[in-house]
């Protein structure tokens, strides 16, 4: 039924399209989704292999394999977010940072769409770190940038950054990468094989940081939030 709300009981992949293997995100156990397309028979005797849903915690749209949901989703009457105060969020930030530090200790590689671990993309790492403490951010880097209150747009003006702030990178046209500020001029991020670590790494903002990854992202810096 279109508009119905469900709680998923197993981790599944969320795909970018109705067909193909292009991953958009991954959906952890316990998350909620709303059915937004009619999943009844598209043709006589033929059931769709995927259904399009809206993930409720982050308002993200993707396709889920119907076979993965059979017997693994519970219908809910409704879902609403738990609203947290600024004080509650601030109290959880040290645990967010510890979660990323622990994730970096696991063997991992960069995975486009990865949010379940041990393999993540950049925004999947950030979203999952906050979600581990019950704080939900938007899914993609450009969405996270828009969600944040802008701070400075220069590494030189980082004195007011706090651990747990987000750093954004990319060309002038759009944010394409996000990192989590660790403090003391360092940040955690999951970067790809090109210009990155091919997984989770820690880099510095200071100009004396001469390694290729830090240098590349220094040139791509858009701002903090």
N, C-alpha and C. Protein backbone atom coordinates (compact mmCIF):
# COMPACT_ATOMS: atom_id res chain seq x y z
N UNK A 1 0.84 -1.20 0.00
CA UNK A 1 0.00 0.00 0.00
C UNK A 1 0.88 1.25 0.00
N UNK A 2 0.65 2.15 -0.95
CA UNK A 2 1.43 3.37 -1.03
C UNK A 2 1.23 4.21 0.22
N UNK A 3 2.32 4.71 0.79
CA UNK A 3 2.26 5.52 1.99
C UNK A 3 2.39 4.74 3.28
N UNK A 4 2.36 3.41 3.20
CA UNK A 4 2.47 2.62 4.42
C UNK A 4 3.89 2.69 4.99
N UNK A 5 3.99 2.55 6.30
CA UNK A 5 5.26 2.69 7.02
C UNK A 5 5.69 1.32 7.54
N UNK A 6 7.00 1.05 7.41
CA UNK A 6 7.53 -0.26 7.79
C UNK A 6 8.83 -0.11 8.57
N UNK A 7 9.08 -1.06 9.46
CA UNK A 7 10.36 -1.16 10.17
C UNK A 7 11.08 -2.40 9.65
N UNK A 8 12.32 -2.21 9.23
CA UNK A 8 13.07 -3.32 8.63
C UNK A 8 13.83 -4.09 9.71
N UNK A 9 13.83 -5.39 9.57
CA UNK A 9 14.40 -6.27 10.59
C UNK A 9 15.75 -6.87 10.21
N UNK A 10 16.29 -6.45 9.08
CA UNK A 10 17.59 -6.95 8.65
C UNK A 10 18.29 -5.87 7.83
N UNK A 11 19.58 -5.93 7.74
CA UNK A 11 20.33 -4.95 6.93
C UNK A 11 20.20 -5.30 5.46
N UNK A 12 19.94 -4.28 4.63
CA UNK A 12 19.79 -4.51 3.19
C UNK A 12 20.48 -3.38 2.42
N UNK A 13 20.74 -3.63 1.16
CA UNK A 13 21.26 -2.61 0.27
C UNK A 13 20.13 -1.76 -0.29
N UNK A 14 20.41 -0.46 -0.46
CA UNK A 14 19.50 0.43 -1.13
C UNK A 14 20.11 0.85 -2.45
N UNK A 15 19.40 0.63 -3.54
CA UNK A 15 19.97 0.83 -4.87
C UNK A 15 19.52 2.17 -5.46
N UNK A 16 20.33 2.65 -6.39
CA UNK A 16 20.07 3.93 -7.02
C UNK A 16 18.97 3.84 -8.07
N UNK A 17 18.77 2.66 -8.64
CA UNK A 17 17.83 2.50 -9.75
C UNK A 17 17.00 1.23 -9.59
N UNK A 18 16.00 1.14 -10.41
CA UNK A 18 15.09 0.00 -10.38
C UNK A 18 15.80 -1.29 -10.77
N UNK A 19 16.80 -1.16 -11.63
CA UNK A 19 17.59 -2.31 -12.04
C UNK A 19 19.07 -1.96 -11.95
N UNK A 20 19.92 -2.96 -11.90
CA UNK A 20 21.35 -2.73 -11.85
C UNK A 20 21.92 -2.84 -10.46
N UNK A 21 23.23 -2.78 -10.38
CA UNK A 21 23.94 -2.98 -9.11
C UNK A 21 24.44 -1.69 -8.48
N UNK A 22 24.05 -0.53 -9.01
CA UNK A 22 24.54 0.74 -8.50
C UNK A 22 23.97 1.02 -7.11
N UNK A 23 24.85 1.02 -6.12
CA UNK A 23 24.44 1.20 -4.73
C UNK A 23 24.22 2.68 -4.43
N UNK A 24 23.12 3.00 -3.76
CA UNK A 24 22.86 4.38 -3.33
C UNK A 24 23.17 4.54 -1.85
N UNK A 25 22.81 3.57 -1.06
CA UNK A 25 23.04 3.59 0.37
C UNK A 25 22.86 2.18 0.89
N UNK A 26 23.03 2.01 2.18
CA UNK A 26 22.73 0.74 2.83
C UNK A 26 21.83 1.03 4.03
N UNK A 27 20.96 0.09 4.33
CA UNK A 27 19.91 0.30 5.32
C UNK A 27 20.13 -0.65 6.49
N UNK A 28 20.33 -0.12 7.66
CA UNK A 28 20.60 -0.94 8.83
C UNK A 28 19.31 -1.47 9.45
N UNK A 29 19.43 -2.53 10.19
CA UNK A 29 18.31 -3.13 10.91
C UNK A 29 17.71 -2.10 11.87
N UNK A 30 16.38 -2.05 11.92
CA UNK A 30 15.70 -1.15 12.82
C UNK A 30 15.29 0.18 12.20
N UNK A 31 15.73 0.43 10.97
CA UNK A 31 15.33 1.66 10.29
C UNK A 31 13.90 1.55 9.76
N UNK A 32 13.35 2.71 9.39
CA UNK A 32 11.97 2.77 8.93
C UNK A 32 11.92 3.32 7.52
N UNK A 33 10.95 2.81 6.76
CA UNK A 33 10.77 3.33 5.40
C UNK A 33 9.28 3.44 5.08
N UNK A 34 9.00 4.30 4.12
CA UNK A 34 7.65 4.48 3.63
C UNK A 34 7.61 4.07 2.17
N UNK A 35 6.62 3.29 1.81
CA UNK A 35 6.46 2.84 0.43
C UNK A 35 5.89 3.99 -0.40
N UNK A 36 6.56 4.33 -1.48
CA UNK A 36 6.11 5.48 -2.26
C UNK A 36 5.68 5.13 -3.67
N UNK A 37 5.89 3.88 -4.09
CA UNK A 37 5.42 3.43 -5.39
C UNK A 37 4.55 2.20 -5.21
N UNK A 38 3.57 2.05 -6.08
CA UNK A 38 2.71 0.89 -6.05
C UNK A 38 3.52 -0.34 -6.45
N UNK A 39 3.59 -1.34 -5.57
CA UNK A 39 4.40 -2.52 -5.85
C UNK A 39 3.55 -3.71 -6.27
N UNK A 40 2.32 -3.47 -6.67
CA UNK A 40 1.50 -4.56 -7.17
C UNK A 40 2.01 -5.02 -8.54
N UNK A 41 1.38 -5.98 -9.13
CA UNK A 41 1.84 -6.55 -10.39
C UNK A 41 1.95 -5.47 -11.45
N UNK A 42 3.14 -5.35 -12.03
CA UNK A 42 3.35 -4.39 -13.11
C UNK A 42 2.83 -4.94 -14.42
N UNK A 43 2.92 -6.24 -14.59
CA UNK A 43 2.38 -6.93 -15.74
C UNK A 43 1.66 -8.17 -15.24
N UNK A 44 0.82 -8.70 -16.04
CA UNK A 44 0.07 -9.87 -15.62
C UNK A 44 1.04 -11.00 -15.24
N UNK A 45 0.93 -11.44 -14.00
CA UNK A 45 1.75 -12.56 -13.54
C UNK A 45 3.18 -12.20 -13.20
N UNK A 46 3.54 -10.91 -13.24
CA UNK A 46 4.92 -10.51 -12.97
C UNK A 46 4.95 -9.53 -11.80
N UNK A 47 5.69 -9.88 -10.77
CA UNK A 47 5.86 -9.00 -9.62
C UNK A 47 7.17 -8.22 -9.78
N UNK A 48 7.21 -6.98 -9.30
CA UNK A 48 8.46 -6.22 -9.40
C UNK A 48 9.54 -6.83 -8.51
N UNK A 49 10.77 -6.72 -8.95
CA UNK A 49 11.87 -7.23 -8.15
C UNK A 49 12.30 -6.22 -7.10
N UNK A 50 12.03 -4.92 -7.34
CA UNK A 50 12.39 -3.87 -6.39
C UNK A 50 11.23 -2.92 -6.18
N UNK A 51 11.22 -2.30 -5.01
CA UNK A 51 10.24 -1.27 -4.70
C UNK A 51 10.98 0.01 -4.31
N UNK A 52 10.38 1.13 -4.63
CA UNK A 52 10.99 2.42 -4.30
C UNK A 52 10.44 2.90 -2.97
N UNK A 53 11.34 3.33 -2.09
CA UNK A 53 10.95 3.71 -0.74
C UNK A 53 11.60 5.04 -0.35
N UNK A 54 11.04 5.63 0.68
CA UNK A 54 11.64 6.80 1.32
C UNK A 54 12.08 6.38 2.71
N UNK A 55 13.37 6.42 2.98
CA UNK A 55 13.88 6.11 4.31
C UNK A 55 13.53 7.28 5.23
N UNK A 56 12.86 7.00 6.34
CA UNK A 56 12.26 8.07 7.12
C UNK A 56 13.26 8.83 7.99
N UNK A 57 14.30 8.16 8.45
CA UNK A 57 15.24 8.85 9.35
C UNK A 57 15.98 9.98 8.65
N UNK A 58 16.21 9.85 7.33
CA UNK A 58 16.99 10.88 6.63
C UNK A 58 16.32 11.37 5.34
N UNK A 59 15.04 10.97 5.14
CA UNK A 59 14.28 11.41 3.96
C UNK A 59 15.00 11.05 2.65
N UNK A 60 15.61 9.89 2.62
CA UNK A 60 16.40 9.47 1.46
C UNK A 60 15.63 8.45 0.64
N UNK A 61 15.66 8.61 -0.68
CA UNK A 61 14.93 7.73 -1.58
C UNK A 61 15.88 6.69 -2.19
N UNK A 62 15.42 5.46 -2.27
CA UNK A 62 16.21 4.41 -2.90
C UNK A 62 15.29 3.26 -3.27
N UNK A 63 15.86 2.25 -3.92
CA UNK A 63 15.14 1.04 -4.30
C UNK A 63 15.63 -0.11 -3.43
N UNK A 64 14.69 -0.92 -2.95
CA UNK A 64 15.02 -2.09 -2.15
C UNK A 64 14.56 -3.35 -2.88
N UNK A 65 15.37 -4.41 -2.78
CA UNK A 65 14.97 -5.70 -3.34
C UNK A 65 13.80 -6.25 -2.54
N UNK A 66 12.73 -6.55 -3.24
CA UNK A 66 11.55 -7.08 -2.57
C UNK A 66 11.83 -8.41 -1.90
N UNK A 67 12.68 -9.21 -2.52
CA UNK A 67 13.00 -10.52 -1.95
C UNK A 67 13.69 -10.41 -0.59
N UNK A 68 14.44 -9.30 -0.41
CA UNK A 68 15.14 -9.10 0.87
C UNK A 68 14.19 -8.65 1.98
N UNK A 69 13.01 -8.17 1.62
CA UNK A 69 12.07 -7.63 2.60
C UNK A 69 11.02 -8.63 3.05
N UNK A 70 10.81 -9.67 2.26
CA UNK A 70 9.76 -10.65 2.59
C UNK A 70 10.08 -11.31 3.93
N UNK A 71 9.19 -11.15 4.88
CA UNK A 71 9.39 -11.70 6.21
C UNK A 71 10.36 -10.93 7.06
N UNK A 72 10.87 -9.79 6.54
CA UNK A 72 11.89 -9.02 7.26
C UNK A 72 11.47 -7.57 7.48
N UNK A 73 10.18 -7.29 7.36
CA UNK A 73 9.69 -5.93 7.59
C UNK A 73 8.38 -5.98 8.35
N UNK A 74 8.23 -5.12 9.34
CA UNK A 74 7.03 -5.06 10.18
C UNK A 74 6.29 -3.77 9.88
N UNK A 75 5.00 -3.89 9.58
CA UNK A 75 4.21 -2.71 9.28
C UNK A 75 3.96 -1.91 10.56
N UNK A 76 4.11 -0.60 10.47
CA UNK A 76 3.94 0.30 11.61
C UNK A 76 2.80 1.28 11.31
N UNK A 77 2.14 1.72 12.35
CA UNK A 77 1.06 2.69 12.16
C UNK A 77 1.61 4.05 11.73
N UNK A 78 2.72 4.42 12.32
CA UNK A 78 3.34 5.72 12.00
C UNK A 78 4.76 5.72 12.51
N UNK A 79 5.51 6.72 12.12
CA UNK A 79 6.87 6.92 12.64
C UNK A 79 7.11 8.41 12.78
N UNK A 80 7.76 8.79 13.85
CA UNK A 80 8.16 10.19 14.00
C UNK A 80 9.52 10.25 14.66
N UNK A 81 10.31 11.28 14.34
CA UNK A 81 11.68 11.36 14.89
C UNK A 81 11.68 11.74 16.37
N UNK A 82 12.75 11.35 17.03
CA UNK A 82 13.00 11.80 18.40
C UNK A 82 13.81 13.08 18.31
N UNK A 83 13.28 14.15 18.83
CA UNK A 83 13.98 15.44 18.77
C UNK A 83 14.93 15.57 19.95
N UNK A 84 16.17 15.95 19.66
CA UNK A 84 17.20 16.09 20.68
C UNK A 84 17.56 17.56 20.87
N UNK A 85 17.87 17.92 22.08
CA UNK A 85 18.33 19.28 22.36
C UNK A 85 19.80 19.43 21.98
N UNK A 86 20.24 20.66 21.85
CA UNK A 86 21.65 20.92 21.56
C UNK A 86 22.54 20.31 22.64
N UNK A 87 22.11 20.41 23.89
CA UNK A 87 22.89 19.86 25.00
C UNK A 87 22.99 18.34 24.88
N UNK A 88 21.91 17.69 24.51
CA UNK A 88 21.93 16.23 24.36
C UNK A 88 22.86 15.81 23.23
N UNK A 89 22.82 16.55 22.13
CA UNK A 89 23.69 16.23 21.00
C UNK A 89 25.15 16.42 21.38
N UNK A 90 25.47 17.53 22.03
CA UNK A 90 26.85 17.81 22.41
C UNK A 90 27.39 16.73 23.34
N UNK A 91 26.54 16.21 24.22
CA UNK A 91 26.98 15.18 25.15
C UNK A 91 27.34 13.88 24.44
N UNK A 92 26.78 13.67 23.25
CA UNK A 92 27.01 12.43 22.51
C UNK A 92 28.19 12.52 21.54
N UNK A 93 28.67 13.73 21.27
CA UNK A 93 29.72 13.89 20.26
C UNK A 93 31.01 13.12 20.58
N UNK A 94 31.47 13.06 21.83
CA UNK A 94 32.68 12.25 22.09
C UNK A 94 32.50 10.78 21.68
N UNK A 95 31.28 10.26 21.83
CA UNK A 95 31.02 8.87 21.46
C UNK A 95 30.97 8.72 19.94
N UNK A 96 30.51 9.77 19.25
CA UNK A 96 30.54 9.77 17.79
C UNK A 96 31.98 9.66 17.30
N UNK A 97 32.85 10.46 17.88
CA UNK A 97 34.26 10.46 17.49
C UNK A 97 34.93 9.13 17.84
N UNK A 98 34.60 8.57 18.98
CA UNK A 98 35.17 7.27 19.35
C UNK A 98 34.71 6.19 18.38
N UNK A 99 33.47 6.31 17.91
CA UNK A 99 32.95 5.33 16.97
C UNK A 99 33.77 5.35 15.67
N UNK A 100 34.09 6.54 15.17
CA UNK A 100 34.89 6.65 13.95
C UNK A 100 36.29 6.10 14.18
N UNK A 101 36.87 6.42 15.31
CA UNK A 101 38.21 5.91 15.63
C UNK A 101 38.22 4.39 15.64
N UNK A 102 37.19 3.79 16.21
CA UNK A 102 37.10 2.32 16.23
C UNK A 102 36.90 1.78 14.81
N UNK A 103 36.08 2.48 14.00
CA UNK A 103 35.84 2.03 12.63
C UNK A 103 37.13 2.05 11.82
N UNK A 104 37.98 3.03 12.09
CA UNK A 104 39.24 3.14 11.36
C UNK A 104 40.20 2.00 11.69
N UNK A 105 40.02 1.38 12.85
CA UNK A 105 40.88 0.27 13.25
C UNK A 105 40.54 -1.02 12.51
N UNK A 106 39.32 -1.09 11.97
CA UNK A 106 38.92 -2.28 11.23
C UNK A 106 39.47 -2.23 9.81
N UNK A 107 39.77 -3.37 9.25
CA UNK A 107 40.17 -3.42 7.85
C UNK A 107 39.01 -2.93 6.99
N UNK A 108 39.27 -1.96 6.13
CA UNK A 108 38.18 -1.39 5.35
C UNK A 108 38.71 -0.82 4.05
N UNK A 109 37.82 -0.69 3.08
CA UNK A 109 38.10 0.01 1.83
C UNK A 109 36.93 0.92 1.53
N UNK A 110 37.16 1.90 0.67
CA UNK A 110 36.11 2.84 0.30
C UNK A 110 35.04 2.12 -0.52
N UNK A 111 33.77 2.34 -0.16
CA UNK A 111 32.65 1.75 -0.87
C UNK A 111 31.61 2.82 -1.15
N UNK A 112 31.39 3.11 -2.42
CA UNK A 112 30.37 4.07 -2.81
C UNK A 112 29.00 3.55 -2.33
N UNK A 113 28.32 4.34 -1.52
CA UNK A 113 27.04 3.94 -0.95
C UNK A 113 27.14 3.22 0.37
N UNK A 114 28.37 2.96 0.84
CA UNK A 114 28.55 2.18 2.05
C UNK A 114 28.18 2.92 3.32
N UNK A 115 27.31 2.31 4.12
CA UNK A 115 26.97 2.88 5.43
C UNK A 115 26.97 1.83 6.54
N UNK A 116 27.01 0.56 6.19
CA UNK A 116 26.91 -0.49 7.20
C UNK A 116 28.25 -0.84 7.81
N UNK A 117 29.34 -0.62 7.07
CA UNK A 117 30.65 -0.98 7.55
C UNK A 117 30.95 -2.45 7.30
N UNK A 118 32.21 -2.81 7.29
CA UNK A 118 33.34 -1.94 7.62
C UNK A 118 33.72 -0.95 6.52
N UNK A 119 33.08 -1.09 5.34
CA UNK A 119 33.42 -0.23 4.20
C UNK A 119 32.39 0.89 4.07
N UNK A 120 32.88 2.12 3.93
CA UNK A 120 32.02 3.30 3.89
C UNK A 120 32.41 4.21 2.74
N UNK A 121 31.46 5.05 2.30
CA UNK A 121 31.86 6.22 1.54
C UNK A 121 31.95 7.38 2.53
N UNK A 122 32.28 8.58 2.03
CA UNK A 122 32.58 9.67 2.96
C UNK A 122 31.37 10.07 3.80
N UNK A 123 30.24 10.29 3.15
CA UNK A 123 29.05 10.73 3.88
C UNK A 123 28.41 9.58 4.64
N UNK A 124 28.59 8.35 4.15
CA UNK A 124 28.10 7.19 4.88
C UNK A 124 28.80 7.02 6.21
N UNK A 125 30.11 7.28 6.23
CA UNK A 125 30.86 7.22 7.48
C UNK A 125 30.35 8.26 8.47
N UNK A 126 30.17 9.48 7.99
CA UNK A 126 29.71 10.56 8.88
C UNK A 126 28.29 10.27 9.37
N UNK A 127 27.40 9.90 8.46
CA UNK A 127 26.03 9.63 8.87
C UNK A 127 25.97 8.49 9.88
N UNK A 128 26.71 7.41 9.61
CA UNK A 128 26.67 6.25 10.49
C UNK A 128 27.27 6.54 11.86
N UNK A 129 28.30 7.38 11.89
CA UNK A 129 28.91 7.75 13.17
C UNK A 129 27.90 8.46 14.06
N UNK A 130 27.18 9.41 13.51
CA UNK A 130 26.17 10.12 14.28
C UNK A 130 24.98 9.22 14.60
N UNK A 131 24.56 8.40 13.62
CA UNK A 131 23.42 7.52 13.84
C UNK A 131 23.70 6.50 14.94
N UNK A 132 24.98 6.16 15.13
CA UNK A 132 25.33 5.21 16.19
C UNK A 132 24.94 5.74 17.56
N UNK A 133 24.76 7.06 17.66
CA UNK A 133 24.38 7.70 18.91
C UNK A 133 22.97 8.30 18.84
N UNK A 134 22.19 7.83 17.86
CA UNK A 134 20.81 8.28 17.76
C UNK A 134 20.62 9.64 17.16
N UNK A 135 21.64 10.16 16.44
CA UNK A 135 21.57 11.47 15.80
C UNK A 135 21.56 11.25 14.30
N UNK A 136 20.52 11.72 13.63
CA UNK A 136 20.40 11.46 12.20
C UNK A 136 20.70 12.71 11.38
N UNK A 137 21.65 12.56 10.47
CA UNK A 137 22.00 13.61 9.50
C UNK A 137 21.52 13.16 8.12
N UNK A 138 21.40 14.09 7.18
CA UNK A 138 21.10 13.69 5.80
C UNK A 138 22.16 12.73 5.26
N UNK A 139 21.85 12.06 4.16
CA UNK A 139 22.69 10.98 3.67
C UNK A 139 23.93 11.44 2.91
N UNK A 140 23.77 12.35 1.94
CA UNK A 140 24.85 12.69 1.03
C UNK A 140 25.63 13.93 1.50
N UNK A 141 26.86 14.06 1.02
CA UNK A 141 27.74 15.14 1.47
C UNK A 141 27.13 16.51 1.20
N UNK A 142 26.58 16.72 0.00
CA UNK A 142 26.02 18.03 -0.32
C UNK A 142 24.79 18.33 0.54
N UNK A 143 24.03 17.28 0.91
CA UNK A 143 22.89 17.46 1.79
C UNK A 143 23.34 17.79 3.21
N UNK A 144 24.40 17.15 3.65
CA UNK A 144 24.94 17.45 4.98
C UNK A 144 25.46 18.88 5.05
N UNK A 145 26.07 19.35 3.97
CA UNK A 145 26.56 20.74 3.95
C UNK A 145 25.40 21.71 4.09
N UNK A 146 24.32 21.47 3.36
CA UNK A 146 23.15 22.34 3.44
C UNK A 146 22.49 22.28 4.81
N UNK A 147 22.57 21.14 5.47
CA UNK A 147 21.94 20.92 6.76
C UNK A 147 22.66 21.68 7.88
N UNK A 148 23.96 21.88 7.72
CA UNK A 148 24.78 22.48 8.78
C UNK A 148 24.69 24.01 8.80
N UNK A 149 24.95 24.56 9.96
CA UNK A 149 25.16 26.00 10.09
C UNK A 149 26.57 26.31 9.61
N UNK A 150 26.74 27.17 8.59
CA UNK A 150 28.09 27.45 8.07
C UNK A 150 28.99 28.08 9.12
N UNK A 151 30.24 27.65 9.12
CA UNK A 151 31.26 28.27 9.95
C UNK A 151 32.25 28.99 9.03
N UNK A 152 33.51 28.71 9.13
CA UNK A 152 34.50 29.39 8.30
C UNK A 152 34.72 28.67 6.98
N UNK A 153 35.22 29.38 6.00
CA UNK A 153 35.51 28.80 4.69
C UNK A 153 37.00 28.75 4.42
N UNK A 154 37.79 28.74 5.48
CA UNK A 154 39.24 28.71 5.35
C UNK A 154 39.85 27.87 6.45
N UNK A 155 40.82 27.04 6.09
CA UNK A 155 41.55 26.29 7.11
C UNK A 155 42.24 27.22 8.10
N UNK A 156 42.63 28.40 7.65
CA UNK A 156 43.36 29.33 8.51
C UNK A 156 42.49 29.83 9.66
N UNK A 157 41.18 29.77 9.51
CA UNK A 157 40.26 30.29 10.53
C UNK A 157 39.55 29.15 11.24
N UNK A 158 40.33 28.21 11.75
CA UNK A 158 39.75 27.01 12.35
C UNK A 158 39.67 27.08 13.87
N UNK A 159 40.02 28.20 14.46
CA UNK A 159 40.12 28.27 15.92
C UNK A 159 38.80 27.96 16.62
N UNK A 160 37.69 28.27 15.97
CA UNK A 160 36.39 28.06 16.60
C UNK A 160 35.77 26.71 16.28
N UNK A 161 36.46 25.89 15.48
CA UNK A 161 35.91 24.57 15.19
C UNK A 161 35.97 23.69 16.43
N UNK A 162 34.97 22.87 16.58
CA UNK A 162 34.90 21.95 17.71
C UNK A 162 34.91 20.51 17.21
N UNK A 163 35.46 19.58 17.99
CA UNK A 163 35.38 18.17 17.60
C UNK A 163 33.92 17.78 17.35
N UNK A 164 33.70 17.15 16.21
CA UNK A 164 32.34 16.80 15.83
C UNK A 164 31.77 17.70 14.75
N UNK A 165 32.42 18.84 14.48
CA UNK A 165 32.01 19.67 13.35
C UNK A 165 32.33 18.94 12.05
N UNK A 166 31.68 19.37 10.97
CA UNK A 166 31.89 18.74 9.67
C UNK A 166 32.69 19.65 8.76
N UNK A 167 33.53 19.06 7.93
CA UNK A 167 34.32 19.79 6.94
C UNK A 167 33.88 19.34 5.55
N UNK A 168 33.76 20.30 4.64
CA UNK A 168 33.22 20.02 3.31
C UNK A 168 34.21 20.38 2.22
N UNK A 169 34.23 19.55 1.19
CA UNK A 169 35.21 19.67 0.12
C UNK A 169 34.53 19.51 -1.23
N UNK A 170 35.19 20.04 -2.27
CA UNK A 170 34.69 19.89 -3.62
C UNK A 170 34.88 21.15 -4.44
N UNK A 171 34.48 21.11 -5.70
CA UNK A 171 34.58 22.31 -6.55
C UNK A 171 33.56 23.36 -6.12
N UNK A 172 33.65 24.53 -6.72
CA UNK A 172 32.75 25.62 -6.36
C UNK A 172 31.29 25.27 -6.62
N UNK A 173 31.04 24.39 -7.59
CA UNK A 173 29.67 24.09 -8.00
C UNK A 173 28.92 23.21 -7.00
N UNK A 174 29.64 22.33 -6.27
CA UNK A 174 28.92 21.40 -5.41
C UNK A 174 29.87 20.69 -4.46
N UNK A 175 29.39 20.44 -3.24
CA UNK A 175 30.14 19.65 -2.26
C UNK A 175 30.16 18.19 -2.70
N UNK A 176 31.34 17.59 -2.71
CA UNK A 176 31.47 16.19 -3.12
C UNK A 176 32.13 15.30 -2.05
N UNK A 177 32.55 15.90 -0.94
CA UNK A 177 33.26 15.12 0.07
C UNK A 177 33.03 15.76 1.43
N UNK A 178 32.96 14.93 2.47
CA UNK A 178 32.74 15.41 3.83
C UNK A 178 33.67 14.66 4.79
N UNK A 179 34.07 15.36 5.83
CA UNK A 179 34.94 14.78 6.86
C UNK A 179 34.45 15.22 8.23
N UNK A 180 34.89 14.52 9.24
CA UNK A 180 34.52 14.80 10.63
C UNK A 180 35.73 15.37 11.35
N UNK A 181 35.57 16.58 11.88
CA UNK A 181 36.69 17.22 12.57
C UNK A 181 36.97 16.52 13.89
N UNK A 182 38.21 16.13 14.05
CA UNK A 182 38.64 15.38 15.24
C UNK A 182 39.12 16.32 16.35
N UNK A 183 39.61 17.48 15.95
CA UNK A 183 40.23 18.41 16.89
C UNK A 183 41.72 18.50 16.63
N UNK A 184 42.36 19.55 17.15
CA UNK A 184 43.81 19.73 17.01
C UNK A 184 44.26 19.74 15.56
N UNK A 185 43.40 20.25 14.67
CA UNK A 185 43.78 20.35 13.27
C UNK A 185 43.70 19.06 12.47
N UNK A 186 43.02 18.04 12.99
CA UNK A 186 42.93 16.74 12.33
C UNK A 186 41.48 16.41 12.01
N UNK A 187 41.28 15.61 10.95
CA UNK A 187 39.92 15.19 10.60
C UNK A 187 39.92 13.76 10.09
N UNK A 188 38.82 13.07 10.40
CA UNK A 188 38.58 11.72 9.91
C UNK A 188 37.76 11.79 8.62
N UNK A 189 38.05 10.92 7.68
CA UNK A 189 37.22 10.81 6.49
C UNK A 189 37.48 9.48 5.80
N UNK A 190 36.48 9.06 5.01
CA UNK A 190 36.66 7.90 4.15
C UNK A 190 36.80 8.42 2.73
N UNK A 191 37.96 8.19 2.15
CA UNK A 191 38.26 8.73 0.82
C UNK A 191 38.54 7.59 -0.15
N UNK A 192 38.35 7.87 -1.43
CA UNK A 192 38.49 6.86 -2.47
C UNK A 192 39.93 6.56 -2.83
N UNK A 193 40.08 5.74 -3.83
CA UNK A 193 41.42 5.34 -4.27
C UNK A 193 42.14 6.51 -4.95
N UNK A 194 41.40 7.29 -5.76
CA UNK A 194 41.99 8.47 -6.39
C UNK A 194 42.06 9.61 -5.38
N UNK A 195 43.25 10.10 -5.13
CA UNK A 195 43.49 11.23 -4.22
C UNK A 195 43.17 10.91 -2.76
N UNK A 196 43.00 9.64 -2.41
CA UNK A 196 42.62 9.34 -1.04
C UNK A 196 43.30 8.11 -0.47
N UNK A 197 42.74 7.60 0.62
CA UNK A 197 43.30 6.45 1.34
C UNK A 197 42.67 5.13 0.91
N UNK A 198 41.64 5.18 0.06
CA UNK A 198 40.84 4.00 -0.25
C UNK A 198 40.29 3.38 1.03
N UNK A 199 39.76 4.24 1.87
CA UNK A 199 39.20 3.82 3.15
C UNK A 199 39.29 4.95 4.15
N UNK A 200 39.13 4.61 5.41
CA UNK A 200 39.11 5.61 6.48
C UNK A 200 40.53 6.02 6.83
N UNK A 201 40.76 7.32 6.92
CA UNK A 201 42.06 7.85 7.30
C UNK A 201 41.91 9.15 8.07
N UNK A 202 43.00 9.58 8.63
CA UNK A 202 43.03 10.83 9.38
C UNK A 202 44.06 11.75 8.73
N UNK A 203 43.64 12.98 8.43
CA UNK A 203 44.54 13.95 7.81
C UNK A 203 44.48 15.27 8.56
N UNK A 204 45.45 16.16 8.24
CA UNK A 204 45.55 17.43 8.93
C UNK A 204 45.25 18.61 8.03
N UNK A 205 44.85 19.71 8.64
CA UNK A 205 44.48 20.90 7.88
C UNK A 205 45.66 21.85 7.69
N UNK A 206 46.75 21.66 8.42
CA UNK A 206 47.82 22.64 8.42
C UNK A 206 48.68 22.53 7.16
N UNK A 207 49.25 23.62 6.75
CA UNK A 207 50.00 23.68 5.51
C UNK A 207 51.27 22.84 5.56
N UNK A 208 51.76 22.54 6.77
CA UNK A 208 52.94 21.68 6.85
C UNK A 208 52.61 20.21 6.59
N UNK A 209 51.32 19.90 6.50
CA UNK A 209 50.89 18.55 6.13
C UNK A 209 51.12 18.39 4.62
N UNK A 210 52.15 17.68 4.25
CA UNK A 210 52.57 17.61 2.85
C UNK A 210 52.20 16.30 2.17
N UNK A 211 51.53 15.39 2.88
CA UNK A 211 51.17 14.14 2.21
C UNK A 211 50.15 14.42 1.12
N UNK A 212 50.13 13.63 0.06
CA UNK A 212 49.28 13.92 -1.10
C UNK A 212 47.80 14.03 -0.79
N UNK A 213 47.30 13.23 0.15
CA UNK A 213 45.87 13.27 0.46
C UNK A 213 45.51 14.59 1.13
N UNK A 214 46.26 14.96 2.16
CA UNK A 214 45.99 16.22 2.86
C UNK A 214 46.13 17.40 1.91
N UNK A 215 47.13 17.37 1.05
CA UNK A 215 47.35 18.47 0.11
C UNK A 215 46.19 18.58 -0.87
N UNK A 216 45.72 17.46 -1.36
CA UNK A 216 44.61 17.47 -2.33
C UNK A 216 43.36 18.07 -1.70
N UNK A 217 43.01 17.61 -0.52
CA UNK A 217 41.77 18.09 0.10
C UNK A 217 41.90 19.51 0.63
N UNK A 218 43.10 19.92 0.94
CA UNK A 218 43.29 21.34 1.30
C UNK A 218 42.89 22.25 0.14
N UNK A 219 43.24 21.86 -1.05
CA UNK A 219 42.88 22.65 -2.22
C UNK A 219 41.40 22.58 -2.55
N UNK A 220 40.72 21.53 -2.05
CA UNK A 220 39.30 21.33 -2.35
C UNK A 220 38.38 21.86 -1.24
N UNK A 221 38.93 22.44 -0.21
CA UNK A 221 38.14 22.81 0.96
C UNK A 221 37.09 23.88 0.62
N UNK A 222 35.85 23.64 1.06
CA UNK A 222 34.74 24.57 0.82
C UNK A 222 34.32 25.31 2.09
N UNK A 223 34.43 24.65 3.24
CA UNK A 223 34.01 25.29 4.46
C UNK A 223 33.69 24.26 5.54
N UNK A 224 33.44 24.75 6.73
CA UNK A 224 33.08 23.90 7.87
C UNK A 224 31.66 24.23 8.31
N UNK A 225 31.09 23.28 9.05
CA UNK A 225 29.73 23.51 9.54
C UNK A 225 29.47 22.73 10.81
